[in-house]
């Protein structure tokens, strides 16, 4: 009687989550800045010269904003494009795992916005 080997194929590894779309990252960053300042959509939209509905869609990552609109919203929040891009970069790049420090302490480095 022949022995039969049952070969089990390894399970496909779960795919890594897709990175966020630029419009989602932008929207999350703008919404976070607005909320930190405890400002309303209406206030920021009025100051930026866009409709409240449009700003809401941008914050939810549903609309692609032109560079002019991004600049206007960023200025309405009291920032500039460098600040915005720095915060977006910080959000997009996860903090590295803590590395062993020669002195025995654990140190984690992360970009500062």
PDB file of N, CA and C in Angstrom:
ATOM      1  N   UNK A   1       0.847  -1.161   0.000  1.00  0.00           N
ATOM      2  CA  UNK A   1       0.000   0.000   0.000  1.00  0.00           C
ATOM      3  C   UNK A   1       0.899   1.232   0.000  1.00  0.00           C
ATOM      4  N   UNK A   2       0.619   2.160  -0.869  1.00  0.00           N
ATOM      5  CA  UNK A   2       1.457   3.350  -1.011  1.00  0.00           C
ATOM      6  C   UNK A   2       1.047   4.386   0.018  1.00  0.00           C
ATOM      7  N   UNK A   3       2.073   5.027   0.543  1.00  0.00           N
ATOM      8  CA  UNK A   3       1.807   6.142   1.458  1.00  0.00           C
ATOM      9  C   UNK A   3       1.519   7.381   0.637  1.00  0.00           C
ATOM     10  N   UNK A   4       0.534   8.133   1.041  1.00  0.00           N
ATOM     11  CA  UNK A   4       0.202   9.379   0.359  1.00  0.00           C
ATOM     12  C   UNK A   4       0.587  10.543   1.255  1.00  0.00           C
ATOM     13  N   UNK A   5       1.344  11.432   0.680  1.00  0.00           N
ATOM     14  CA  UNK A   5       1.691  12.644   1.425  1.00  0.00           C
ATOM     15  C   UNK A   5       0.671  13.712   1.097  1.00  0.00           C
ATOM     16  N   UNK A   6       0.235  14.350   2.093  1.00  0.00           N
ATOM     17  CA  UNK A   6      -0.689  15.465   1.891  1.00  0.00           C
ATOM     18  C   UNK A   6       0.118  16.741   2.025  1.00  0.00           C
ATOM     19  N   UNK A   7       0.274  17.408   0.914  1.00  0.00           N
ATOM     20  CA  UNK A   7       1.011  18.662   0.912  1.00  0.00           C
ATOM     21  C   UNK A   7       0.005  19.794   1.077  1.00  0.00           C
ATOM     22  N   UNK A   8       0.243  20.587   2.072  1.00  0.00           N
ATOM     23  CA  UNK A   8      -0.637  21.717   2.318  1.00  0.00           C
ATOM     24  C   UNK A   8       0.096  22.966   1.868  1.00  0.00           C
ATOM     25  N   UNK A   9      -0.497  23.657   0.944  1.00  0.00           N
ATOM     26  CA  UNK A   9       0.109  24.905   0.463  1.00  0.00           C
ATOM     27  C   UNK A   9       0.038  25.945   1.576  1.00  0.00           C
ATOM     28  N   UNK A  10       1.123  26.707   1.724  1.00  0.00           N
ATOM     29  CA  UNK A  10       1.077  27.740   2.753  1.00  0.00           C
ATOM     30  C   UNK A  10       0.003  28.774   2.412  1.00  0.00           C
ATOM     31  N   UNK A  11      -0.619  29.258   3.437  1.00  0.00           N
ATOM     32  CA  UNK A  11      -1.656  30.277   3.232  1.00  0.00           C
ATOM     33  C   UNK A  11      -1.017  31.528   2.651  1.00  0.00           C
ATOM     34  N   UNK A  12      -1.750  32.161   1.765  1.00  0.00           N
ATOM     35  CA  UNK A  12      -1.257  33.423   1.210  1.00  0.00           C
ATOM     36  C   UNK A  12      -1.164  34.438   2.340  1.00  0.00           C
ATOM     37  N   UNK A  13      -0.026  35.118   2.408  1.00  0.00           N
ATOM     38  CA  UNK A  13       0.068  36.122   3.465  1.00  0.00           C
ATOM     39  C   UNK A  13      -0.955  37.217   3.197  1.00  0.00           C
ATOM     40  N   UNK A  14      -1.477  37.753   4.274  1.00  0.00           N
ATOM     41  CA  UNK A  14      -2.454  38.822   4.137  1.00  0.00           C
ATOM     42  C   UNK A  14      -1.768  40.040   3.545  1.00  0.00           C
ATOM     43  N   UNK A  15      -2.351  40.613   2.515  1.00  0.00           N
ATOM     44  CA  UNK A  15      -1.690  41.770   1.891  1.00  0.00           C
ATOM     45  C   UNK A  15      -1.619  42.942   2.860  1.00  0.00           C
ATOM     46  N   UNK A  16      -0.549  43.691   2.726  1.00  0.00           N
ATOM     47  CA  UNK A  16      -0.389  44.880   3.571  1.00  0.00           C
ATOM     48  C   UNK A  16      -1.474  45.875   3.200  1.00  0.00           C
ATOM     49  N   UNK A  17      -1.954  46.616   4.179  1.00  0.00           N
ATOM     50  CA  UNK A  17      -2.985  47.600   3.854  1.00  0.00           C
ATOM     51  C   UNK A  17      -2.432  48.639   2.881  1.00  0.00           C
ATOM     52  N   UNK A  18      -3.285  49.060   1.985  1.00  0.00           N
ATOM     53  CA  UNK A  18      -2.870  50.066   1.000  1.00  0.00           C
ATOM     54  C   UNK A  18      -2.632  51.394   1.711  1.00  0.00           C
ATOM     55  N   UNK A  19      -1.614  52.120   1.287  1.00  0.00           N
ATOM     56  CA  UNK A  19      -1.391  53.424   1.904  1.00  0.00           C
ATOM     57  C   UNK A  19      -2.573  54.340   1.568  1.00  0.00           C
ATOM     58  N   UNK A  20      -2.827  55.333   2.410  1.00  0.00           N
ATOM     59  CA  UNK A  20      -3.966  56.204   2.133  1.00  0.00           C
ATOM     60  C   UNK A  20      -3.735  56.999   0.856  1.00  0.00           C
ATOM     61  N   UNK A  21      -4.830  57.341   0.198  1.00  0.00           N
ATOM     62  CA  UNK A  21      -4.737  58.219  -0.959  1.00  0.00           C
ATOM     63  C   UNK A  21      -4.325  59.601  -0.486  1.00  0.00           C
ATOM     64  N   UNK A  22      -3.688  60.349  -1.355  1.00  0.00           N
ATOM     65  CA  UNK A  22      -3.245  61.695  -1.001  1.00  0.00           C
ATOM     66  C   UNK A  22      -4.417  62.545  -0.535  1.00  0.00           C
ATOM     67  N   UNK A  23      -5.564  62.432  -1.198  1.00  0.00           N
ATOM     68  CA  UNK A  23      -6.702  63.260  -0.793  1.00  0.00           C
ATOM     69  C   UNK A  23      -7.207  62.872   0.594  1.00  0.00           C
ATOM     70  N   UNK A  24      -7.086  61.597   0.969  1.00  0.00           N
ATOM     71  CA  UNK A  24      -7.494  61.180   2.311  1.00  0.00           C
ATOM     72  C   UNK A  24      -6.519  61.705   3.363  1.00  0.00           C
ATOM     73  N   UNK A  25      -5.246  61.624   3.062  1.00  0.00           N
ATOM     74  CA  UNK A  25      -4.230  62.123   3.978  1.00  0.00           C
ATOM     75  C   UNK A  25      -4.364  63.634   4.159  1.00  0.00           C
ATOM     76  N   UNK A  26      -4.582  64.338   3.063  1.00  0.00           N
ATOM     77  CA  UNK A  26      -4.782  65.779   3.120  1.00  0.00           C
ATOM     78  C   UNK A  26      -6.012  66.109   3.955  1.00  0.00           C
ATOM     79  N   UNK A  27      -7.115  65.434   3.669  1.00  0.00           N
ATOM     80  CA  UNK A  27      -8.348  65.691   4.409  1.00  0.00           C
ATOM     81  C   UNK A  27      -8.209  65.432   5.895  1.00  0.00           C
ATOM     82  N   UNK A  28      -7.604  64.305   6.250  1.00  0.00           N
ATOM     83  CA  UNK A  28      -7.396  63.984   7.669  1.00  0.00           C
ATOM     84  C   UNK A  28      -6.539  65.041   8.353  1.00  0.00           C
ATOM     85  N   UNK A  29      -5.520  65.506   7.654  1.00  0.00           N
ATOM     86  CA  UNK A  29      -4.611  66.499   8.221  1.00  0.00           C
ATOM     87  C   UNK A  29      -5.315  67.830   8.424  1.00  0.00           C
ATOM     88  N   UNK A  30      -6.075  68.265   7.431  1.00  0.00           N
ATOM     89  CA  UNK A  30      -6.801  69.531   7.561  1.00  0.00           C
ATOM     90  C   UNK A  30      -7.853  69.447   8.664  1.00  0.00           C
ATOM     91  N   UNK A  31      -8.594  68.347   8.707  1.00  0.00           N
ATOM     92  CA  UNK A  31      -9.617  68.186   9.742  1.00  0.00           C
ATOM     93  C   UNK A  31      -8.982  68.188  11.135  1.00  0.00           C
ATOM     94  N   UNK A  32      -7.876  67.486  11.273  1.00  0.00           N
ATOM     95  CA  UNK A  32      -7.195  67.435  12.562  1.00  0.00           C
ATOM     96  C   UNK A  32      -6.755  68.835  13.005  1.00  0.00           C
ATOM     97  N   UNK A  33      -6.186  69.604  12.077  1.00  0.00           N
ATOM     98  CA  UNK A  33      -5.747  70.967  12.412  1.00  0.00           C
ATOM     99  C   UNK A  33      -6.934  71.835  12.810  1.00  0.00           C
ATOM    100  N   UNK A  34      -8.024  71.728  12.071  1.00  0.00           N
ATOM    101  CA  UNK A  34      -9.223  72.519  12.388  1.00  0.00           C
ATOM    102  C   UNK A  34      -9.775  72.154  13.757  1.00  0.00           C
ATOM    103  N   UNK A  35      -9.829  70.871  14.042  1.00  0.00           N
ATOM    104  CA  UNK A  35     -10.362  70.424  15.341  1.00  0.00           C
ATOM    105  C   UNK A  35      -9.452  70.816  16.498  1.00  0.00           C
ATOM    106  N   UNK A  36      -8.140  70.751  16.279  1.00  0.00           N
ATOM    107  CA  UNK A  36      -7.209  71.190  17.347  1.00  0.00           C
ATOM    108  C   UNK A  36      -7.444  72.647  17.703  1.00  0.00           C
ATOM    109  N   UNK A  37      -7.828  73.433  16.712  1.00  0.00           N
ATOM    110  CA  UNK A  37      -8.093  74.851  16.932  1.00  0.00           C
ATOM    111  C   UNK A  37      -9.528  75.098  17.405  1.00  0.00           C
ATOM    112  N   UNK A  38     -10.310  74.024  17.504  1.00  0.00           N
ATOM    113  CA  UNK A  38     -11.706  74.099  17.930  1.00  0.00           C
ATOM    114  C   UNK A  38     -12.501  75.073  17.060  1.00  0.00           C
ATOM    115  N   UNK A  39     -12.282  74.945  15.743  1.00  0.00           N
ATOM    116  CA  UNK A  39     -12.964  75.820  14.786  1.00  0.00           C
ATOM    117  C   UNK A  39     -13.990  75.023  14.002  1.00  0.00           C
ATOM    118  N   UNK A  40     -15.007  75.706  13.535  1.00  0.00           N
ATOM    119  CA  UNK A  40     -16.069  75.057  12.779  1.00  0.00           C
ATOM    120  C   UNK A  40     -15.718  75.007  11.301  1.00  0.00           C
ATOM    121  N   UNK A  41     -16.383  74.082  10.604  1.00  0.00           N
ATOM    122  CA  UNK A  41     -16.238  74.019   9.154  1.00  0.00           C
ATOM    123  C   UNK A  41     -16.624  75.361   8.540  1.00  0.00           C
ATOM    124  N   UNK A  42     -17.710  75.953   9.030  1.00  0.00           N
ATOM    125  CA  UNK A  42     -18.199  77.213   8.470  1.00  0.00           C
ATOM    126  C   UNK A  42     -17.162  78.316   8.611  1.00  0.00           C
ATOM    127  N   UNK A  43     -16.559  78.426   9.775  1.00  0.00           N
ATOM    128  CA  UNK A  43     -15.555  79.470  10.003  1.00  0.00           C
ATOM    129  C   UNK A  43     -14.381  79.322   9.034  1.00  0.00           C
ATOM    130  N   UNK A  44     -13.828  78.124   8.953  1.00  0.00           N
ATOM    131  CA  UNK A  44     -12.658  77.906   8.091  1.00  0.00           C
ATOM    132  C   UNK A  44     -13.042  78.054   6.618  1.00  0.00           C
ATOM    133  N   UNK A  45     -14.187  77.517   6.232  1.00  0.00           N
ATOM    134  CA  UNK A  45     -14.635  77.632   4.841  1.00  0.00           C
ATOM    135  C   UNK A  45     -14.824  79.098   4.458  1.00  0.00           C
ATOM    136  N   UNK A  46     -15.466  79.865   5.331  1.00  0.00           N
ATOM    137  CA  UNK A  46     -15.674  81.294   5.049  1.00  0.00           C
ATOM    138  C   UNK A  46     -14.345  82.016   4.885  1.00  0.00           C
ATOM    139  N   UNK A  47     -13.411  81.750   5.764  1.00  0.00           N
ATOM    140  CA  UNK A  47     -12.103  82.415   5.691  1.00  0.00           C
ATOM    141  C   UNK A  47     -11.305  81.989   4.461  1.00  0.00           C
ATOM    142  N   UNK A  48     -11.520  80.746   4.021  1.00  0.00           N
ATOM    143  CA  UNK A  48     -10.800  80.239   2.849  1.00  0.00           C
ATOM    144  C   UNK A  48     -11.499  80.603   1.542  1.00  0.00           C
ATOM    145  N   UNK A  49     -12.740  81.047   1.629  1.00  0.00           N
ATOM    146  CA  UNK A  49     -13.473  81.398   0.422  1.00  0.00           C
ATOM    147  C   UNK A  49     -14.012  80.205  -0.344  1.00  0.00           C
ATOM    148  N   UNK A  50     -14.315  79.130   0.384  1.00  0.00           N
ATOM    149  CA  UNK A  50     -14.910  77.942  -0.231  1.00  0.00           C
ATOM    150  C   UNK A  50     -16.204  77.618   0.508  1.00  0.00           C
ATOM    151  N   UNK A  51     -17.032  76.792  -0.100  1.00  0.00           N
ATOM    152  CA  UNK A  51     -18.276  76.428   0.580  1.00  0.00           C
ATOM    153  C   UNK A  51     -17.985  75.435   1.701  1.00  0.00           C
ATOM    154  N   UNK A  52     -18.860  75.469   2.691  1.00  0.00           N
ATOM    155  CA  UNK A  52     -18.724  74.550   3.814  1.00  0.00           C
ATOM    156  C   UNK A  52     -18.859  73.103   3.321  1.00  0.00           C
ATOM    157  N   UNK A  53     -19.749  72.859   2.376  1.00  0.00           N
ATOM    158  CA  UNK A  53     -19.940  71.512   1.825  1.00  0.00           C
ATOM    159  C   UNK A  53     -18.672  71.028   1.138  1.00  0.00           C
ATOM    160  N   UNK A  54     -18.040  71.901   0.358  1.00  0.00           N
ATOM    161  CA  UNK A  54     -16.811  71.526  -0.350  1.00  0.00           C
ATOM    162  C   UNK A  54     -15.689  71.225   0.645  1.00  0.00           C
ATOM    163  N   UNK A  55     -15.537  72.067   1.661  1.00  0.00           N
ATOM    164  CA  UNK A  55     -14.491  71.814   2.663  1.00  0.00           C
ATOM    165  C   UNK A  55     -14.756  70.494   3.380  1.00  0.00           C
ATOM    166  N   UNK A  56     -15.997  70.208   3.681  1.00  0.00           N
ATOM    167  CA  UNK A  56     -16.335  68.942   4.325  1.00  0.00           C
ATOM    168  C   UNK A  56     -15.943  67.760   3.435  1.00  0.00           C
ATOM    169  N   UNK A  57     -16.222  67.874   2.129  1.00  0.00           N
ATOM    170  CA  UNK A  57     -15.857  66.800   1.198  1.00  0.00           C
ATOM    171  C   UNK A  57     -14.343  66.642   1.105  1.00  0.00           C
ATOM    172  N   UNK A  58     -13.614  67.735   1.153  1.00  0.00           N
ATOM    173  CA  UNK A  58     -12.151  67.669   1.150  1.00  0.00           C
ATOM    174  C   UNK A  58     -11.670  66.961   2.408  1.00  0.00           C
ATOM    175  N   UNK A  59     -12.197  67.362   3.559  1.00  0.00           N
ATOM    176  CA  UNK A  59     -11.780  66.752   4.832  1.00  0.00           C
ATOM    177  C   UNK A  59     -12.082  65.261   4.875  1.00  0.00           C
ATOM    178  N   UNK A  60     -13.147  64.831   4.226  1.00  0.00           N
ATOM    179  CA  UNK A  60     -13.509  63.409   4.210  1.00  0.00           C
ATOM    180  C   UNK A  60     -12.809  62.645   3.101  1.00  0.00           C
ATOM    181  N   UNK A  61     -11.949  63.322   2.330  1.00  0.00           N
ATOM    182  CA  UNK A  61     -11.197  62.657   1.265  1.00  0.00           C
ATOM    183  C   UNK A  61     -12.039  62.315   0.065  1.00  0.00           C
ATOM    184  N   UNK A  62     -13.178  62.989  -0.096  1.00  0.00           N
ATOM    185  CA  UNK A  62     -14.065  62.692  -1.213  1.00  0.00           C
ATOM    186  C   UNK A  62     -13.807  63.568  -2.428  1.00  0.00           C
ATOM    187  N   UNK A  63     -13.136  64.692  -2.238  1.00  0.00           N
ATOM    188  CA  UNK A  63     -12.856  65.611  -3.344  1.00  0.00           C
ATOM    189  C   UNK A  63     -11.368  65.900  -3.410  1.00  0.00           C
ATOM    190  N   UNK A  64     -10.884  66.028  -4.630  1.00  0.00           N
ATOM    191  CA  UNK A  64      -9.506  66.459  -4.869  1.00  0.00           C
ATOM    192  C   UNK A  64      -9.514  67.983  -4.879  1.00  0.00           C
ATOM    193  N   UNK A  65      -8.734  68.588  -4.026  1.00  0.00           N
ATOM    194  CA  UNK A  65      -8.688  70.048  -3.965  1.00  0.00           C
ATOM    195  C   UNK A  65      -7.543  70.570  -4.829  1.00  0.00           C
ATOM    196  N   UNK A  66      -7.771  71.709  -5.479  1.00  0.00           N
ATOM    197  CA  UNK A  66      -6.704  72.334  -6.256  1.00  0.00           C
ATOM    198  C   UNK A  66      -5.650  72.890  -5.296  1.00  0.00           C
ATOM    199  N   UNK A  67      -4.490  73.179  -5.812  1.00  0.00           N
ATOM    200  CA  UNK A  67      -3.434  73.747  -4.963  1.00  0.00           C
ATOM    201  C   UNK A  67      -3.864  75.098  -4.406  1.00  0.00           C
ATOM    202  N   UNK A  68      -4.657  75.847  -5.178  1.00  0.00           N
ATOM    203  CA  UNK A  68      -5.141  77.143  -4.700  1.00  0.00           C
ATOM    204  C   UNK A  68      -6.057  76.970  -3.492  1.00  0.00           C
ATOM    205  N   UNK A  69      -6.953  75.984  -3.556  1.00  0.00           N
ATOM    206  CA  UNK A  69      -7.872  75.732  -2.448  1.00  0.00           C
ATOM    207  C   UNK A  69      -7.099  75.213  -1.237  1.00  0.00           C
ATOM    208  N   UNK A  70      -6.163  74.309  -1.447  1.00  0.00           N
ATOM    209  CA  UNK A  70      -5.358  73.795  -0.333  1.00  0.00           C
ATOM    210  C   UNK A  70      -4.627  74.953   0.341  1.00  0.00           C
ATOM    211  N   UNK A  71      -4.047  75.844  -0.450  1.00  0.00           N
ATOM    212  CA  UNK A  71      -3.352  76.999   0.110  1.00  0.00           C
ATOM    213  C   UNK A  71      -4.292  77.898   0.890  1.00  0.00           C
ATOM    214  N   UNK A  72      -5.486  78.148   0.351  1.00  0.00           N
ATOM    215  CA  UNK A  72      -6.448  79.022   1.025  1.00  0.00           C
ATOM    216  C   UNK A  72      -6.912  78.416   2.349  1.00  0.00           C
ATOM    217  N   UNK A  73      -7.189  77.129   2.368  1.00  0.00           N
ATOM    218  CA  UNK A  73      -7.634  76.472   3.602  1.00  0.00           C
ATOM    219  C   UNK A  73      -6.501  76.453   4.622  1.00  0.00           C
ATOM    220  N   UNK A  74      -5.304  76.169   4.163  1.00  0.00           N
ATOM    221  CA  UNK A  74      -4.153  76.148   5.068  1.00  0.00           C
ATOM    222  C   UNK A  74      -3.929  77.522   5.685  1.00  0.00           C
ATOM    223  N   UNK A  75      -4.011  78.575   4.877  1.00  0.00           N
ATOM    224  CA  UNK A  75      -3.866  79.942   5.414  1.00  0.00           C
ATOM    225  C   UNK A  75      -4.999  80.274   6.376  1.00  0.00           C
ATOM    226  N   UNK A  76      -6.214  79.819   6.049  1.00  0.00           N
ATOM    227  CA  UNK A  76      -7.356  80.059   6.939  1.00  0.00           C
ATOM    228  C   UNK A  76      -7.139  79.403   8.296  1.00  0.00           C
ATOM    229  N   UNK A  77      -6.351  78.335   8.301  1.00  0.00           N
ATOM    230  CA  UNK A  77      -6.023  77.650   9.557  1.00  0.00           C
ATOM    231  C   UNK A  77      -4.782  78.244  10.225  1.00  0.00           C
ATOM    232  N   UNK A  78      -4.225  79.288   9.629  1.00  0.00           N
ATOM    233  CA  UNK A  78      -3.073  79.958  10.229  1.00  0.00           C
ATOM    234  C   UNK A  78      -1.741  79.315   9.920  1.00  0.00           C
ATOM    235  N   UNK A  79      -1.692  78.456   8.919  1.00  0.00           N
ATOM    236  CA  UNK A  79      -0.444  77.776   8.585  1.00  0.00           C
ATOM    237  C   UNK A  79       0.014  78.115   7.185  1.00  0.00           C
ATOM    238  N   UNK A  80       1.005  77.361   6.732  1.00  0.00           N
ATOM    239  CA  UNK A  80       1.492  77.505   5.366  1.00  0.00           C
ATOM    240  C   UNK A  80       1.672  76.107   4.783  1.00  0.00           C
ATOM    241  N   UNK A  81       1.971  76.043   3.506  1.00  0.00           N
ATOM    242  CA  UNK A  81       2.063  74.749   2.844  1.00  0.00           C
ATOM    243  C   UNK A  81       3.184  73.872   3.397  1.00  0.00           C
ATOM    244  N   UNK A  82       4.268  74.484   3.835  1.00  0.00           N
ATOM    245  CA  UNK A  82       5.361  73.688   4.418  1.00  0.00           C
ATOM    246  C   UNK A  82       4.871  72.996   5.686  1.00  0.00           C
ATOM    247  N   UNK A  83       4.128  73.734   6.537  1.00  0.00           N
ATOM    248  CA  UNK A  83       3.573  73.125   7.750  1.00  0.00           C
ATOM    249  C   UNK A  83       2.650  71.961   7.398  1.00  0.00           C
ATOM    250  N   UNK A  84       1.789  72.193   6.412  1.00  0.00           N
ATOM    251  CA  UNK A  84       0.837  71.166   6.005  1.00  0.00           C
ATOM    252  C   UNK A  84       1.557  69.920   5.498  1.00  0.00           C
ATOM    253  N   UNK A  85       2.521  70.110   4.601  1.00  0.00           N
ATOM    254  CA  UNK A  85       3.243  68.968   4.045  1.00  0.00           C
ATOM    255  C   UNK A  85       4.053  68.237   5.097  1.00  0.00           C
ATOM    256  N   UNK A  86       4.603  68.973   6.046  1.00  0.00           N
ATOM    257  CA  UNK A  86       5.355  68.339   7.133  1.00  0.00           C
ATOM    258  C   UNK A  86       4.432  67.462   7.972  1.00  0.00           C
ATOM    259  N   UNK A  87       3.265  67.979   8.319  1.00  0.00           N
ATOM    260  CA  UNK A  87       2.331  67.184   9.115  1.00  0.00           C
ATOM    261  C   UNK A  87       1.826  65.978   8.330  1.00  0.00           C
ATOM    262  N   UNK A  88       1.564  66.157   7.045  1.00  0.00           N
ATOM    263  CA  UNK A  88       1.117  65.035   6.222  1.00  0.00           C
ATOM    264  C   UNK A  88       2.194  63.955   6.152  1.00  0.00           C
ATOM    265  N   UNK A  89       3.451  64.373   6.025  1.00  0.00           N
ATOM    266  CA  UNK A  89       4.559  63.417   5.969  1.00  0.00           C
ATOM    267  C   UNK A  89       4.659  62.652   7.279  1.00  0.00           C
ATOM    268  N   UNK A  90       4.519  63.359   8.376  1.00  0.00           N
ATOM    269  CA  UNK A  90       4.583  62.723   9.690  1.00  0.00           C
ATOM    270  C   UNK A  90       3.473  61.698   9.849  1.00  0.00           C
ATOM    271  N   UNK A  91       2.290  62.004   9.349  1.00  0.00           N
ATOM    272  CA  UNK A  91       1.170  61.074   9.432  1.00  0.00           C
ATOM    273  C   UNK A  91       1.373  59.867   8.513  1.00  0.00           C
ATOM    274  N   UNK A  92       1.997  60.076   7.367  1.00  0.00           N
ATOM    275  CA  UNK A  92       2.130  59.022   6.367  1.00  0.00           C
ATOM    276  C   UNK A  92       3.228  58.016   6.693  1.00  0.00           C
ATOM    277  N   UNK A  93       4.241  58.457   7.419  1.00  0.00           N
ATOM    278  CA  UNK A  93       5.378  57.586   7.732  1.00  0.00           C
ATOM    279  C   UNK A  93       5.254  57.131   9.177  1.00  0.00           C
ATOM    280  N   UNK A  94       5.023  55.845   9.400  1.00  0.00           N
ATOM    281  CA  UNK A  94       4.884  55.367  10.772  1.00  0.00           C
ATOM    282  C   UNK A  94       6.196  55.506  11.537  1.00  0.00           C
ATOM    283  N   UNK A  95       6.074  55.710  12.829  1.00  0.00           N
ATOM    284  CA  UNK A  95       7.259  55.805  13.673  1.00  0.00           C
ATOM    285  C   UNK A  95       7.970  54.454  13.664  1.00  0.00           C
ATOM    286  N   UNK A  96       9.298  54.469  13.569  1.00  0.00           N
ATOM    287  CA  UNK A  96      10.020  53.192  13.592  1.00  0.00           C
ATOM    288  C   UNK A  96       9.925  52.545  14.977  1.00  0.00           C
ATOM    289  N   UNK A  97      10.107  51.249  14.990  1.00  0.00           N
ATOM    290  CA  UNK A  97      10.104  50.539  16.264  1.00  0.00           C
ATOM    291  C   UNK A  97      11.268  51.035  17.109  1.00  0.00           C
ATOM    292  N   UNK A  98      11.083  51.065  18.413  1.00  0.00           N
ATOM    293  CA  UNK A  98      12.189  51.513  19.276  1.00  0.00           C
ATOM    294  C   UNK A  98      13.433  50.662  19.050  1.00  0.00           C
ATOM    295  N   UNK A  99      14.560  51.324  18.963  1.00  0.00           N
ATOM    296  CA  UNK A  99      15.839  50.626  18.770  1.00  0.00           C
ATOM    297  C   UNK A  99      16.611  50.655  20.087  1.00  0.00           C
ATOM    298  N   UNK A 100      17.383  49.640  20.279  1.00  0.00           N
ATOM    299  CA  UNK A 100      18.189  49.588  21.505  1.00  0.00           C
ATOM    300  C   UNK A 100      19.241  50.682  21.464  1.00  0.00           C
ATOM    301  N   UNK A 101      19.332  51.432  22.497  1.00  0.00           N
ATOM    302  CA  UNK A 101      20.300  52.521  22.632  1.00  0.00           C
ATOM    303  C   UNK A 101      21.532  51.950  23.330  1.00  0.00           C
ATOM    304  N   UNK A 102      22.741  52.384  22.963  1.00  0.00           N
ATOM    305  CA  UNK A 102      23.943  51.828  23.581  1.00  0.00           C
ATOM    306  C   UNK A 102      23.912  51.886  25.112  1.00  0.00           C
ATOM    307  N   UNK A 103      23.228  52.868  25.662  1.00  0.00           N
ATOM    308  CA  UNK A 103      23.157  52.999  27.116  1.00  0.00           C
ATOM    309  C   UNK A 103      22.105  52.108  27.732  1.00  0.00           C
ATOM    310  N   UNK A 104      21.405  51.332  26.912  1.00  0.00           N
ATOM    311  CA  UNK A 104      20.388  50.441  27.446  1.00  0.00           C
ATOM    312  C   UNK A 104      18.989  51.018  27.348  1.00  0.00           C
ATOM    313  N   UNK A 105      18.859  52.310  27.132  1.00  0.00           N
ATOM    314  CA  UNK A 105      17.540  52.928  27.011  1.00  0.00           C
ATOM    315  C   UNK A 105      16.983  52.642  25.622  1.00  0.00           C
ATOM    316  N   UNK A 106      15.681  52.641  25.527  1.00  0.00           N
ATOM    317  CA  UNK A 106      15.035  52.511  24.234  1.00  0.00           C
ATOM    318  C   UNK A 106      14.743  53.917  23.714  1.00  0.00           C
ATOM    319  N   UNK A 107      15.056  54.151  22.443  1.00  0.00           N
ATOM    320  CA  UNK A 107      14.849  55.461  21.844  1.00  0.00           C
ATOM    321  C   UNK A 107      14.086  55.288  20.540  1.00  0.00           C
ATOM    322  N   UNK A 108      13.019  56.051  20.381  1.00  0.00           N
ATOM    323  CA  UNK A 108      12.277  56.053  19.117  1.00  0.00           C
ATOM    324  C   UNK A 108      12.355  57.433  18.532  1.00  0.00           C
ATOM    325  N   UNK A 109      12.632  57.512  17.261  1.00  0.00           N
ATOM    326  CA  UNK A 109      12.726  58.829  16.612  1.00  0.00           C
ATOM    327  C   UNK A 109      11.541  58.971  15.687  1.00  0.00           C
ATOM    328  N   UNK A 110      11.031  60.177  15.600  1.00  0.00           N
ATOM    329  CA  UNK A 110       9.917  60.468  14.717  1.00  0.00           C
ATOM    330  C   UNK A 110      10.030  61.902  14.255  1.00  0.00           C
ATOM    331  N   UNK A 111       9.631  62.148  13.030  1.00  0.00           N
ATOM    332  CA  UNK A 111       9.666  63.505  12.507  1.00  0.00           C
ATOM    333  C   UNK A 111       8.783  64.406  13.367  1.00  0.00           C
ATOM    334  N   UNK A 112       9.209  65.608  13.572  1.00  0.00           N
ATOM    335  CA  UNK A 112       8.460  66.550  14.378  1.00  0.00           C
ATOM    336  C   UNK A 112       7.798  67.549  13.453  1.00  0.00           C
ATOM    337  N   UNK A 113       6.507  67.704  13.618  1.00  0.00           N
ATOM    338  CA  UNK A 113       5.774  68.658  12.759  1.00  0.00           C
ATOM    339  C   UNK A 113       5.747  70.016  13.408  1.00  0.00           C
TER     340      UNK A 113
END
